[in-house]
Amino acid sequence: MKNKLHELIKFPCNFTYKVIGMAHPELVDKIIRVIQLQIPGDYAPVVKKSNRGNYLSISITIFASNINQIEHLYYELSRINIVRIVL
């Protein structure tokens, strides 16, 4: 999979993550904190609530230099205790 993804993406590039998690006020801050540790910068996440308001969908775009950054952030974002899915 790593080789396939590397073939499809030309680096450096913008890469958007979609993170779905519990609708807690600190979710967005936790996501940005994890990203800032790897790739410092200013981020403008797009936040949407689910119909019942139990979940938040956060789309956030980073500027990735290589495939390792993308894979590492997938792993780190998924480790946030209130995150349910990272796409």
Protein backbone atom coordinates (compact mmCIF):
# COMPACT_ATOMS: atom_id res chain seq x y z
CA MET A 1 0.00 0.00 0.00
CA LYS A 2 2.81 2.40 0.89
CA ASN A 3 4.39 2.07 -2.55
CA LYS A 4 1.02 2.49 -4.26
CA LEU A 5 0.20 5.64 -2.29
CA HIS A 6 3.68 7.00 -2.94
CA GLU A 7 3.14 6.48 -6.68
CA LEU A 8 -0.20 8.32 -6.60
CA ILE A 9 0.96 11.38 -4.68
CA LYS A 10 3.67 13.74 -5.83
CA PHE A 11 5.50 15.40 -2.93
CA PRO A 12 5.49 18.01 -1.54
CA CYS A 13 1.72 18.44 -1.66
CA ASN A 14 -1.40 19.47 0.21
CA PHE A 15 -3.09 16.54 1.92
CA THR A 16 -6.48 16.65 3.63
CA TYR A 17 -7.44 14.49 6.59
CA LYS A 18 -11.02 13.97 7.66
CA VAL A 19 -11.28 13.11 11.34
CA ILE A 20 -14.55 12.00 12.90
CA GLY A 21 -14.79 12.04 16.65
CA MET A 22 -16.99 12.58 19.65
CA ALA A 23 -18.51 16.08 19.86
CA HIS A 24 -16.30 17.28 22.70
CA PRO A 25 -15.13 20.91 22.79
CA GLU A 26 -11.46 19.87 22.96
CA LEU A 27 -11.50 17.64 19.86
CA VAL A 28 -10.35 20.29 17.38
CA ASP A 29 -7.59 21.50 19.72
CA LYS A 30 -6.31 17.95 20.21
CA ILE A 31 -6.19 17.36 16.46
CA ILE A 32 -4.34 20.60 15.80
CA ARG A 33 -1.90 19.90 18.65
CA VAL A 34 -0.98 16.51 17.14
CA ILE A 35 -0.47 18.04 13.69
CA GLN A 36 1.54 20.98 15.06
CA LEU A 37 4.05 18.56 16.61
CA GLN A 38 4.83 17.16 13.15
CA ILE A 39 4.19 20.10 10.84
CA PRO A 40 4.03 23.49 12.57
CA GLY A 41 1.81 26.03 10.86
CA ASP A 42 -1.51 27.81 10.85
CA TYR A 43 -4.45 25.51 10.26
CA ALA A 44 -8.08 26.31 9.49
CA PRO A 45 -10.09 23.16 10.14
CA VAL A 46 -13.61 22.86 8.74
CA VAL A 47 -15.92 21.51 11.44
CA LYS A 48 -19.35 19.97 10.86
CA LYS A 49 -21.71 18.48 13.45
CA SER A 50 -23.60 15.26 12.88
CA ASN A 51 -27.40 15.40 12.65
CA ARG A 52 -27.86 14.45 16.28
CA GLY A 53 -24.86 16.46 17.45
CA ASN A 54 -23.02 13.47 18.91
CA TYR A 55 -20.08 13.61 16.49
CA LEU A 56 -17.90 16.17 14.76
CA SER A 57 -16.33 15.83 11.33
CA ILE A 58 -13.13 17.85 11.03
CA SER A 59 -11.42 18.35 7.68
CA ILE A 60 -7.91 19.73 7.95
CA THR A 61 -5.30 20.22 5.22
CA ILE A 62 -1.56 19.93 5.78
CA PHE A 63 1.41 20.49 3.50
CA ALA A 64 3.21 17.14 3.42
CA SER A 65 6.83 16.69 2.41
CA ASN A 66 6.79 12.90 2.24
CA ILE A 67 4.71 9.76 2.72
CA ASN A 68 6.11 9.16 6.20
CA GLN A 69 4.50 12.37 7.48
CA ILE A 70 1.11 11.30 6.14
CA GLU A 71 1.32 7.81 7.62
CA HIS A 72 2.63 9.02 10.98
CA LEU A 73 -0.17 11.57 11.30
CA TYR A 74 -2.78 8.91 10.47
CA TYR A 75 -1.42 6.86 13.35
CA GLU A 76 -1.13 9.75 15.82
CA LEU A 77 -4.58 11.17 15.01
CA SER A 78 -6.18 7.76 15.47
CA ARG A 79 -4.63 7.53 18.96
CA ILE A 80 -6.66 10.50 20.24
CA ASN A 81 -9.12 8.89 22.66
CA ILE A 82 -12.22 10.72 21.35
CA VAL A 83 -11.43 10.14 17.66
CA ARG A 84 -13.43 7.37 16.01
CA ILE A 85 -12.24 7.44 12.36
CA VAL A 86 -9.38 9.06 10.42
CA LEU A 87 -9.81 9.21 6.64
